[in-house]
Amino acid sequence: MLNDLQLNNILKDFDIAYWKINLLTKEITWSDHFLVLVRKQDTKTASLEYFLDEILHKDYRYDFREHFGQLISEFKPFNLEVRLKLENGKFRWFECRTLKKKENSLEDSVVLLFVNIHQAKRDQYTIEENFFYYRETAEMTSTGGWYVDSASGAVYWDEVTKKIFNCPYDYEPRPEDKMKFYAQEHRKKAQEMFKKCAEYGIPFKVEIKMLTFHNSEFWIRATGKPVYDKEQEIIGIRGVFQDIDLNKTNEINLQNSLDIIAAQNSRLFNFAHIVSHNLRSHSSNLSLISQLLTESKKDRDKLDLLMNVNDIATNLDEAIRHLNEVVTKQSILTKEKKTVKFEDALQVVITSTSSLIKRENAQIIADFDKLNEITYISEYLESILLNLITNAIRYRQKGRKPVIFIQTYQENGSNFLEVSDNGMGIDLDQYGDKMFGMYKTFHRHPEAKGIGLFITKNQVEAMGGNISVTSTVNIGTTFKIKFR
């Protein structure tokens, strides 16, 4: 074995102190470096009891005594982490273990090393503490970590991420499955943001719709950043997923409500303006006629003026009936929505307009295979179909049998209804901005009142949808309704 001086010099360089224990006499000798560590200048106090009482932290006294007893009586290896009070009065961590002997050695002494592990222990505590706070924060905020390896395409999820996606605890995502957790309409967006990050190092932070393990849609906030190696090459992408479904759903619902309220207020303002304008026009005419009657001296003039009064009264009555029709249609909104079959709504309209359809020899073709029902107010759906069908027949192209094609379908998660005809068409360049205005007409047709499309637009928007139109003069028109 090395002599004491050699051993002390070697171990001191590694900040390792030691005891040398004579297994026959049980005598303990502290190394010079150990004496320095515990602020002692001589070995008079180098006893086990002094060490236990004055240097070793009280929490470890029992275990140390037990291990030490087994070492000197049974020669069992000693290995224990303890805290010692050093010369500055502060406790530091040490690993206490026996120096390994050569095989078949018959030496009558053993060396007990004290290895300073304080910094490593502090780092361990820091890591554990940080991990604890990370785990607790992740759980409270529903935020999970993930990593994508660029070379292999392997995907790694932490426990919180698996919990967010309702995955089994032992589930490991496969490289080929990494896009299946994104909602269909958002997969292209996800592919583009991962590609930009992997190829150009562009980080991302987006709100995107995803799918759980059982294919339920929900919203998350995804954050991703590139990971570089020593050569500054991108080797992967790491980031976090945060479940924001409740807040996002509430936000969307709130925005939809605000949009509906804004649209309803806008329609109410326009309606009030129209009512005010039209009624004021008729009342002004009546007032003028009344004044002229008072000033007129000849009976013939008074008779002519009375004829005008009759025309004004007729026009006023018609205007009030139109306005009442709009109000009546709007009041239906208070009714409860229910599941309505498009075929049933169409049959109601065909029955009510059968004489018009037969008279004009109109052909109605319907395709509801892709979407046969919708949750709606049945009276609104019937009114919409009625206005669009009667308009198509009314504005048919002269000499051409009117054909009306009606179809429903789904696209990007939304429901659509299209009504197309082969009629006169509309010059949208000239009339496009006035298409759905009240009392707006685009043909010199004796039955044109400018009420039907105004009502239709109001009904569609009142239910949270929108209506658009494409048309070619002398070819036909298509109205496209997107339901909420």
Protein backbone atom coordinates (compact mmCIF):
# COMPACT_ATOMS: atom_id res chain seq x y z
CA MET A 1 0.00 0.00 0.00
CA LEU A 2 1.08 3.62 -0.50
CA ASN A 3 2.58 5.30 2.51
CA ASP A 4 0.60 8.04 4.24
CA LEU A 5 2.49 10.93 2.65
CA GLN A 6 2.09 9.60 -0.89
CA LEU A 7 -1.59 8.82 -0.37
CA ASN A 8 -2.29 12.21 1.18
CA ASN A 9 -0.59 14.10 -1.66
CA ILE A 10 -2.39 12.17 -4.36
CA LEU A 11 -5.87 12.47 -2.83
CA LYS A 12 -5.44 16.11 -1.85
CA ASP A 13 -5.16 17.05 -5.53
CA PHE A 14 -8.65 15.62 -6.01
CA ASP A 15 -10.07 17.29 -2.89
CA ILE A 16 -10.38 13.89 -1.24
CA ALA A 17 -9.62 13.40 2.47
CA TYR A 18 -9.36 10.06 4.22
CA TRP A 19 -9.15 8.07 7.42
CA LYS A 20 -6.72 5.26 7.91
CA ILE A 21 -8.16 2.63 10.24
CA ASN A 22 -6.14 -0.12 11.92
CA LEU A 23 -8.42 -3.13 11.93
CA LEU A 24 -6.52 -4.77 14.81
CA THR A 25 -6.25 -1.84 17.25
CA LYS A 26 -9.30 0.06 15.89
CA GLU A 27 -7.13 3.18 15.87
CA ILE A 28 -8.20 5.95 13.48
CA THR A 29 -5.74 8.32 11.82
CA TRP A 30 -7.10 11.39 10.02
CA SER A 31 -5.25 12.61 6.94
CA ASP A 32 -3.77 16.12 6.93
CA HIS A 33 -6.30 17.25 4.35
CA PHE A 34 -9.17 15.96 6.52
CA LEU A 35 -7.76 17.94 9.48
CA VAL A 36 -7.65 21.07 7.34
CA LEU A 37 -11.24 20.52 6.15
CA VAL A 38 -12.60 20.28 9.70
CA ARG A 39 -10.35 23.07 11.12
CA LYS A 40 -8.17 20.87 13.35
CA GLN A 41 -4.39 21.31 13.72
CA ASP A 42 -3.54 18.01 15.43
CA THR A 43 -4.84 14.47 15.77
CA LYS A 44 -5.56 14.56 19.50
CA THR A 45 -9.26 14.90 18.80
CA ALA A 46 -9.21 12.45 15.91
CA SER A 47 -11.71 10.10 17.45
CA LEU A 48 -14.91 8.56 16.22
CA GLU A 49 -16.98 10.09 19.01
CA TYR A 50 -15.66 13.59 18.37
CA PHE A 51 -16.42 13.13 14.67
CA LEU A 52 -19.93 11.96 15.38
CA ASP A 53 -20.69 14.72 17.88
CA GLU A 54 -18.96 17.74 16.34
CA ILE A 55 -18.42 17.18 12.61
CA LEU A 56 -21.03 14.80 11.23
CA HIS A 57 -24.55 16.18 10.75
CA LYS A 58 -26.87 14.65 13.32
CA ASP A 59 -29.18 13.17 10.69
CA TYR A 60 -26.46 10.73 9.62
CA ARG A 61 -24.94 9.70 12.99
CA TYR A 62 -26.87 6.47 13.41
CA ASP A 63 -26.23 5.24 9.87
CA PHE A 64 -22.54 6.14 10.03
CA ARG A 65 -22.04 4.32 13.33
CA GLU A 66 -23.79 1.22 11.94
CA HIS A 67 -21.73 1.19 8.73
CA PHE A 68 -18.50 1.86 10.61
CA GLY A 69 -19.19 -0.98 13.05
CA GLN A 70 -19.79 -3.40 10.17
CA LEU A 71 -16.58 -2.23 8.51
CA ILE A 72 -14.25 -2.94 11.44
CA SER A 73 -16.00 -6.07 12.68
CA GLU A 74 -17.12 -7.76 9.47
CA PHE A 75 -14.91 -5.91 6.94
CA LYS A 76 -18.02 -4.97 4.96
CA PRO A 77 -17.45 -2.25 2.33
CA PHE A 78 -18.51 1.22 3.48
CA ASN A 79 -20.51 3.50 1.18
CA LEU A 80 -22.63 6.35 2.49
CA GLU A 81 -23.40 9.96 1.53
CA VAL A 82 -23.12 12.29 4.54
CA ARG A 83 -22.90 15.99 5.43
CA LEU A 84 -19.84 17.28 7.33
CA LYS A 85 -19.28 20.63 9.07
CA LEU A 86 -16.16 22.24 7.58
CA GLU A 87 -13.84 24.99 8.85
CA ASN A 88 -16.25 27.73 7.75
CA GLY A 89 -18.99 26.20 9.92
CA LYS A 90 -21.12 25.18 6.93
CA PHE A 91 -22.17 21.67 6.08
CA ARG A 92 -21.05 20.13 2.81
CA TRP A 93 -21.85 16.84 1.11
CA PHE A 94 -19.28 14.02 1.02
CA GLU A 95 -19.38 10.50 -0.25
CA CYS A 96 -17.80 8.24 2.37
CA ARG A 97 -16.50 4.92 1.02
CA THR A 98 -13.67 2.44 1.54
CA LEU A 99 -10.69 2.38 -0.76
CA LYS A 100 -10.79 -0.84 -2.72
CA LYS A 101 -8.05 -3.30 -1.89
CA LYS A 102 -6.23 -5.60 -4.23
CA GLU A 103 -7.68 -9.09 -4.46
CA ASN A 104 -6.40 -11.57 -1.78
CA SER A 105 -4.78 -8.69 0.14
CA LEU A 106 -4.07 -9.46 3.83
CA GLU A 107 -3.39 -5.89 4.94
CA ASP A 108 -4.46 -5.09 8.50
CA SER A 109 -5.71 -1.58 7.75
CA VAL A 110 -8.38 0.04 5.63
CA VAL A 111 -8.68 3.52 4.10
CA LEU A 112 -11.99 5.35 4.39
CA LEU A 113 -12.26 8.07 1.73
CA PHE A 114 -14.25 11.32 2.07
CA VAL A 115 -14.96 12.54 -1.49
CA ASN A 116 -16.35 16.06 -1.86
CA ILE A 117 -19.60 15.73 -3.85
CA HIS A 118 -21.22 18.96 -2.66
CA GLN A 119 -21.41 20.65 -6.07
CA ALA A 120 -22.73 17.51 -7.75
CA LYS A 121 -25.31 17.15 -4.97
CA ARG A 122 -26.39 20.75 -5.35
CA ASP A 123 -26.71 20.27 -9.09
CA GLN A 124 -28.77 17.14 -8.48
CA TYR A 125 -31.08 19.00 -6.10
CA THR A 126 -31.38 21.86 -8.57
CA ILE A 127 -32.28 19.48 -11.36
CA GLU A 128 -34.80 17.66 -9.21
CA GLU A 129 -36.30 20.91 -7.97
CA ASN A 130 -36.51 22.35 -11.48
CA PHE A 131 -38.05 19.14 -12.74
CA PHE A 132 -40.58 19.22 -9.92
CA TYR A 133 -41.62 22.78 -10.76
CA TYR A 134 -41.64 21.97 -14.47
CA ARG A 135 -43.87 18.94 -13.89
CA GLU A 136 -46.24 20.84 -11.59
CA THR A 137 -46.41 23.84 -13.94
CA ALA A 138 -46.95 21.54 -16.92
CA GLU A 139 -49.79 19.76 -15.13
CA MET A 140 -51.48 22.99 -14.00
CA THR A 141 -51.26 24.65 -17.44
CA SER A 142 -51.81 21.48 -19.51
CA THR A 143 -48.47 22.03 -21.25
CA GLY A 144 -46.46 19.06 -22.51
CA GLY A 145 -43.06 18.77 -24.17
CA TRP A 146 -42.15 17.04 -27.43
CA TYR A 147 -39.16 16.46 -29.71
CA VAL A 148 -38.81 15.43 -33.37
CA ASP A 149 -35.51 13.94 -34.54
CA SER A 150 -34.64 15.21 -38.03
CA ALA A 151 -32.51 12.21 -39.02
CA SER A 152 -34.84 9.38 -38.03
CA GLY A 153 -38.14 11.27 -37.91
CA ALA A 154 -38.73 9.77 -34.46
CA VAL A 155 -41.20 11.63 -32.26
CA TYR A 156 -40.87 11.84 -28.47
CA TRP A 157 -43.68 12.95 -26.13
CA ASP A 158 -43.49 13.50 -22.40
CA GLU A 159 -46.14 12.26 -19.98
CA VAL A 160 -48.15 15.51 -20.01
CA THR A 161 -48.32 15.52 -23.82
CA LYS A 162 -49.64 11.95 -23.77
CA LYS A 163 -52.21 13.03 -21.20
CA ILE A 164 -53.27 16.02 -23.34
CA PHE A 165 -53.91 13.67 -26.29
CA ASN A 166 -55.63 11.05 -24.09
CA CYS A 167 -53.02 8.46 -25.07
CA PRO A 168 -52.22 5.31 -23.09
CA TYR A 169 -49.31 5.77 -20.67
CA ASP A 170 -47.06 3.41 -22.68
CA TYR A 171 -47.97 4.90 -26.08
CA GLU A 172 -45.03 5.97 -28.26
CA PRO A 173 -45.88 7.94 -31.44
CA ARG A 174 -44.45 6.48 -34.63
CA PRO A 175 -42.75 8.70 -37.25
CA GLU A 176 -45.41 7.88 -39.84
CA ASP A 177 -48.19 8.86 -37.44
CA LYS A 178 -46.99 12.35 -36.49
CA MET A 179 -49.47 14.10 -38.82
CA LYS A 180 -52.49 11.98 -37.91
CA PHE A 181 -52.99 13.96 -34.70
CA TYR A 182 -53.64 17.18 -36.66
CA ALA A 183 -57.18 17.97 -37.83
CA GLN A 184 -57.59 17.37 -41.55
CA GLU A 185 -58.06 21.04 -42.41
CA HIS A 186 -54.89 22.01 -40.49
CA ARG A 187 -52.49 19.29 -41.68
CA LYS A 188 -51.11 21.32 -44.57
CA LYS A 189 -50.43 24.20 -42.20
CA ALA A 190 -48.67 21.84 -39.77
CA GLN A 191 -46.54 20.30 -42.52
CA GLU A 192 -45.44 23.73 -43.74
CA MET A 193 -44.46 25.03 -40.29
CA PHE A 194 -42.45 21.87 -39.48
CA LYS A 195 -40.75 22.00 -42.88
CA LYS A 196 -39.72 25.65 -42.44
CA CYS A 197 -38.39 24.93 -38.95
CA ALA A 198 -36.48 21.79 -40.02
CA GLU A 199 -34.98 23.30 -43.19
CA TYR A 200 -34.53 26.98 -42.36
CA GLY A 201 -34.66 27.14 -38.56
CA ILE A 202 -37.80 29.27 -38.50
CA PRO A 203 -39.54 28.83 -35.12
CA PHE A 204 -43.32 28.74 -34.84
CA LYS A 205 -46.03 29.54 -32.33
CA VAL A 206 -49.53 28.84 -33.59
CA GLU A 207 -53.01 27.95 -32.44
CA ILE A 208 -54.04 24.85 -34.32
CA LYS A 209 -56.77 22.23 -34.22
CA MET A 210 -55.67 18.69 -33.40
CA LEU A 211 -57.12 15.24 -32.70
CA THR A 212 -56.90 13.15 -29.55
CA PHE A 213 -55.96 9.47 -29.58
CA HIS A 214 -59.68 8.74 -30.04
CA ASN A 215 -60.12 11.35 -32.84
CA SER A 216 -61.89 14.06 -30.83
CA GLU A 217 -61.09 17.56 -32.09
CA PHE A 218 -59.58 20.13 -29.75
CA TRP A 219 -57.45 23.28 -29.90
CA ILE A 220 -53.82 23.54 -28.77
CA ARG A 221 -51.11 26.17 -28.86
CA ALA A 222 -48.01 24.65 -30.50
CA THR A 223 -44.56 26.16 -30.04
CA GLY A 224 -41.49 24.77 -31.82
CA LYS A 225 -37.81 25.72 -32.13
CA PRO A 226 -34.89 24.16 -34.03
CA VAL A 227 -32.18 22.17 -32.21
CA TYR A 228 -28.60 22.62 -33.51
CA ASP A 229 -25.48 20.46 -33.16
CA LYS A 230 -21.91 21.76 -32.68
CA GLU A 231 -21.62 22.44 -36.43
CA GLN A 232 -24.82 24.51 -36.28
CA GLU A 233 -26.71 21.95 -38.32
CA ILE A 234 -30.37 21.41 -37.45
CA ILE A 235 -30.76 17.97 -35.92
CA GLY A 236 -34.31 18.23 -34.59
CA ILE A 237 -37.22 20.35 -33.41
CA ARG A 238 -38.37 20.63 -29.82
CA GLY A 239 -41.32 22.44 -28.36
CA VAL A 240 -44.45 22.32 -26.27
CA PHE A 241 -48.16 21.67 -26.75
CA GLN A 242 -50.62 23.58 -24.55
CA ASP A 243 -54.27 22.58 -24.34
CA ILE A 244 -56.30 25.77 -24.98
CA ASP A 245 -59.50 24.08 -26.14
CA LEU A 246 -61.81 25.58 -23.52
CA ASN A 247 -60.54 29.13 -23.98
CA LYS A 248 -60.42 28.82 -27.78
CA THR A 249 -63.93 27.39 -27.97
CA ASN A 250 -65.23 30.18 -25.75
CA GLU A 251 -63.38 32.73 -27.88
CA ILE A 252 -64.86 31.34 -31.10
CA ASN A 253 -68.36 31.22 -29.64
CA LEU A 254 -68.00 34.76 -28.34
CA GLN A 255 -66.75 36.00 -31.69
CA ASN A 256 -69.61 34.23 -33.49
CA SER A 257 -72.08 35.84 -31.09
CA LEU A 258 -70.51 39.25 -31.63
CA ASP A 259 -70.62 38.76 -35.42
CA ILE A 260 -74.28 37.75 -35.27
CA ILE A 261 -75.15 40.72 -33.04
CA ALA A 262 -73.20 43.09 -35.30
CA ALA A 263 -74.93 41.68 -38.38
CA GLN A 264 -78.35 41.90 -36.73
CA ASN A 265 -77.69 45.49 -35.63
CA SER A 266 -76.57 46.36 -39.14
CA ARG A 267 -79.70 44.79 -40.62
CA LEU A 268 -81.85 46.54 -38.04
CA PHE A 269 -80.27 49.89 -38.90
CA ASN A 270 -80.72 49.31 -42.64
CA PHE A 271 -84.27 48.13 -42.11
CA ALA A 272 -85.10 51.19 -40.00
CA HIS A 273 -83.58 53.41 -42.69
CA ILE A 274 -85.64 51.72 -45.40
CA VAL A 275 -88.83 51.95 -43.36
CA SER A 276 -88.19 55.60 -42.60
CA HIS A 277 -87.37 56.43 -46.21
CA ASN A 278 -90.30 54.60 -47.78
CA LEU A 279 -92.98 55.64 -45.33
CA ARG A 280 -91.74 59.23 -45.37
CA SER A 281 -91.95 59.23 -49.17
CA HIS A 282 -95.58 58.09 -49.11
CA SER A 283 -96.53 60.44 -46.26
CA SER A 284 -94.90 63.37 -48.08
CA ASN A 285 -96.93 62.59 -51.18
CA LEU A 286 -100.14 62.42 -49.13
CA SER A 287 -99.28 65.70 -47.45
CA LEU A 288 -98.62 67.34 -50.81
CA ILE A 289 -101.89 66.03 -52.29
CA SER A 290 -103.78 67.28 -49.22
CA GLN A 291 -102.28 70.73 -49.63
CA LEU A 292 -103.11 70.81 -53.34
CA LEU A 293 -106.69 69.73 -52.61
CA THR A 294 -107.03 72.62 -50.19
CA GLU A 295 -105.66 75.10 -52.72
CA SER A 296 -107.51 73.70 -55.75
CA LYS A 297 -110.56 75.70 -56.98
CA LYS A 298 -111.85 73.47 -59.76
CA ASP A 299 -113.79 70.26 -59.17
CA ARG A 300 -112.00 68.48 -62.03
CA ASP A 301 -108.61 69.26 -60.52
CA LYS A 302 -109.81 67.96 -57.16
CA LEU A 303 -111.04 64.75 -58.82
CA ASP A 304 -107.66 64.16 -60.47
CA LEU A 305 -105.94 64.73 -57.12
CA LEU A 306 -108.27 62.24 -55.43
CA MET A 307 -107.26 59.66 -58.06
CA ASN A 308 -103.63 60.27 -57.01
CA VAL A 309 -104.61 59.74 -53.38
CA ASN A 310 -105.93 56.30 -54.33
CA ASP A 311 -102.63 55.39 -56.05
CA ILE A 312 -100.61 56.63 -53.07
CA ALA A 313 -102.78 54.68 -50.62
CA THR A 314 -102.36 51.51 -52.70
CA ASN A 315 -98.56 51.96 -52.79
CA LEU A 316 -98.47 52.71 -49.06
CA ASP A 317 -100.48 49.58 -48.29
CA GLU A 318 -98.16 47.46 -50.45
CA ALA A 319 -95.07 48.93 -48.76
CA ILE A 320 -96.51 48.17 -45.32
CA ARG A 321 -97.32 44.62 -46.37
CA HIS A 322 -93.74 44.14 -47.60
CA LEU A 323 -92.29 45.51 -44.37
CA ASN A 324 -94.67 43.34 -42.36
CA GLU A 325 -93.50 40.32 -44.34
CA VAL A 326 -89.87 41.08 -43.43
CA VAL A 327 -90.75 41.51 -39.75
CA THR A 328 -92.78 38.27 -39.77
CA LYS A 329 -89.88 36.33 -41.28
CA GLN A 330 -87.44 37.79 -38.74
CA SER A 331 -89.66 36.90 -35.77
CA ILE A 332 -89.34 33.21 -36.62
CA LEU A 333 -85.75 33.39 -35.30
CA THR A 334 -87.07 32.95 -31.78
CA LYS A 335 -88.17 29.42 -32.66
CA GLU A 336 -86.03 26.48 -31.60
CA LYS A 337 -83.74 24.89 -34.19
CA LYS A 338 -84.28 21.24 -35.05
CA THR A 339 -83.06 18.65 -37.53
CA VAL A 340 -84.58 19.42 -40.95
CA LYS A 341 -84.31 17.20 -44.03
CA PHE A 342 -83.64 19.15 -47.23
CA GLU A 343 -85.92 16.83 -49.19
CA ASP A 344 -88.82 17.56 -46.82
CA ALA A 345 -88.29 21.33 -47.04
CA LEU A 346 -88.13 21.14 -50.85
CA GLN A 347 -91.35 19.15 -51.05
CA VAL A 348 -93.16 21.82 -49.01
CA VAL A 349 -91.95 24.48 -51.49
CA ILE A 350 -92.81 22.40 -54.57
CA THR A 351 -96.31 21.77 -53.23
CA SER A 352 -96.93 25.47 -52.58
CA THR A 353 -95.63 26.52 -56.01
CA SER A 354 -96.90 23.58 -58.07
CA SER A 355 -99.14 25.75 -60.28
CA LEU A 356 -96.22 28.08 -61.12
CA ILE A 357 -93.91 25.13 -61.83
CA LYS A 358 -96.48 23.49 -64.14
CA ARG A 359 -97.36 26.74 -65.90
CA GLU A 360 -93.73 27.46 -66.79
CA ASN A 361 -92.87 23.77 -67.34
CA ALA A 362 -89.94 24.17 -64.89
CA GLN A 363 -87.69 21.24 -64.01
CA ILE A 364 -86.24 20.95 -60.51
CA ILE A 365 -83.32 18.54 -59.93
CA ALA A 366 -82.11 17.93 -56.37
CA ASP A 367 -79.07 16.08 -55.05
CA PHE A 368 -79.00 15.74 -51.26
CA ASP A 369 -76.87 12.56 -51.08
CA LYS A 370 -73.78 14.32 -49.66
CA LEU A 371 -75.78 16.21 -47.01
CA ASN A 372 -79.39 15.23 -46.43
CA GLU A 373 -80.21 17.16 -43.25
CA ILE A 374 -79.21 20.13 -41.13
CA THR A 375 -80.01 21.63 -37.73
CA TYR A 376 -82.01 24.73 -38.67
CA ILE A 377 -85.33 26.56 -38.37
CA SER A 378 -87.55 24.74 -40.86
CA GLU A 379 -89.56 27.87 -41.81
CA TYR A 380 -86.31 29.67 -42.70
CA LEU A 381 -85.04 26.84 -44.89
CA GLU A 382 -88.40 26.62 -46.68
CA SER A 383 -88.46 30.41 -47.16
CA ILE A 384 -84.92 30.41 -48.57
CA LEU A 385 -85.71 27.64 -51.06
CA LEU A 386 -89.01 29.30 -51.96
CA ASN A 387 -87.40 32.66 -52.78
CA LEU A 388 -84.54 31.17 -54.78
CA ILE A 389 -86.75 28.76 -56.75
CA THR A 390 -89.47 31.30 -57.56
CA ASN A 391 -86.80 33.84 -58.58
CA ALA A 392 -85.23 31.26 -60.90
CA ILE A 393 -88.59 30.59 -62.54
CA ARG A 394 -89.63 34.24 -62.63
CA TYR A 395 -86.38 35.38 -64.29
CA ARG A 396 -86.17 32.50 -66.79
CA GLN A 397 -84.53 33.08 -70.16
CA LYS A 398 -87.14 33.64 -72.85
CA GLY A 399 -87.58 30.60 -75.10
CA ARG A 400 -85.64 28.34 -72.68
CA LYS A 401 -87.16 25.73 -70.38
CA PRO A 402 -86.25 26.73 -66.83
CA VAL A 403 -84.04 24.15 -65.10
CA ILE A 404 -83.14 24.53 -61.42
CA PHE A 405 -80.41 22.35 -59.90
CA ILE A 406 -80.22 22.14 -56.10
CA GLN A 407 -77.38 20.40 -54.25
CA THR A 408 -76.00 20.16 -50.72
CA TYR A 409 -72.52 19.09 -49.59
CA GLN A 410 -69.84 19.45 -46.92
CA GLU A 411 -66.47 21.10 -47.42
CA ASN A 412 -63.73 21.84 -44.85
CA GLY A 413 -66.12 21.06 -42.02
CA SER A 414 -68.88 23.43 -43.25
CA ASN A 415 -72.33 22.71 -44.77
CA PHE A 416 -73.33 24.23 -48.10
CA LEU A 417 -76.48 24.63 -50.22
CA GLU A 418 -76.30 25.67 -53.89
CA VAL A 419 -79.23 26.65 -56.11
CA SER A 420 -78.37 27.07 -59.80
CA ASP A 421 -80.56 28.04 -62.73
CA ASN A 422 -80.27 28.58 -66.50
CA GLY A 423 -82.12 31.87 -66.50
CA MET A 424 -81.46 35.48 -67.51
CA GLY A 425 -78.44 35.94 -65.26
CA ILE A 426 -77.37 39.17 -63.56
CA ASP A 427 -74.70 41.69 -64.50
CA LEU A 428 -72.71 41.54 -61.27
CA ASP A 429 -70.29 44.23 -62.42
CA GLN A 430 -73.20 46.65 -62.52
CA TYR A 431 -75.44 45.33 -59.74
CA GLY A 432 -73.19 43.18 -57.54
CA ASP A 433 -73.04 45.61 -54.59
CA LYS A 434 -76.85 46.03 -54.66
CA MET A 435 -77.64 42.35 -55.07
CA PHE A 436 -79.37 41.78 -51.74
CA GLY A 437 -80.68 45.27 -51.06
CA MET A 438 -84.36 45.96 -50.32
CA TYR A 439 -86.38 47.14 -53.30
CA LYS A 440 -83.38 46.50 -55.59
CA THR A 441 -84.36 45.02 -58.96
CA PHE A 442 -82.15 44.13 -61.92
CA HIS A 443 -84.63 43.30 -64.68
CA ARG A 444 -87.64 45.07 -66.12
CA HIS A 445 -89.93 42.36 -64.90
CA PRO A 446 -93.47 43.31 -63.84
CA GLU A 447 -93.30 41.01 -60.79
CA ALA A 448 -89.92 42.27 -59.56
CA LYS A 449 -90.32 43.81 -56.08
CA GLY A 450 -86.78 43.59 -54.63
CA ILE A 451 -87.96 41.90 -51.43
CA GLY A 452 -87.13 38.16 -51.83
CA LEU A 453 -83.31 38.29 -51.87
CA PHE A 454 -83.31 40.89 -49.08
CA ILE A 455 -85.32 38.52 -46.88
CA THR A 456 -83.20 35.51 -47.89
CA LYS A 457 -79.93 37.25 -47.00
CA ASN A 458 -81.33 38.37 -43.65
CA GLN A 459 -82.52 34.85 -42.82
CA VAL A 460 -79.19 33.23 -43.74
CA GLU A 461 -77.14 35.75 -41.77
CA ALA A 462 -79.50 35.67 -38.80
CA MET A 463 -78.58 31.97 -38.49
CA GLY A 464 -74.86 32.75 -38.62
CA GLY A 465 -74.28 31.84 -42.28
CA ASN A 466 -73.60 33.80 -45.44
CA ILE A 467 -74.83 33.85 -49.03
CA SER A 468 -72.90 34.61 -52.22
CA VAL A 469 -73.77 34.68 -55.90
CA THR A 470 -72.10 33.99 -59.24
CA SER A 471 -73.88 34.82 -62.48
CA THR A 472 -73.41 35.23 -66.20
CA VAL A 473 -75.88 37.26 -68.25
CA ASN A 474 -78.06 35.05 -70.50
CA ILE A 475 -76.43 31.90 -69.04
CA GLY A 476 -77.66 31.56 -65.47
CA THR A 477 -77.11 32.22 -61.78
CA THR A 478 -75.88 30.21 -58.78
CA PHE A 479 -76.60 31.15 -55.17
CA LYS A 480 -74.27 29.53 -52.65
CA ILE A 481 -75.23 29.42 -48.97
CA LYS A 482 -72.72 28.51 -46.31
CA PHE A 483 -74.45 27.42 -43.12
CA ARG A 484 -72.89 28.14 -39.74
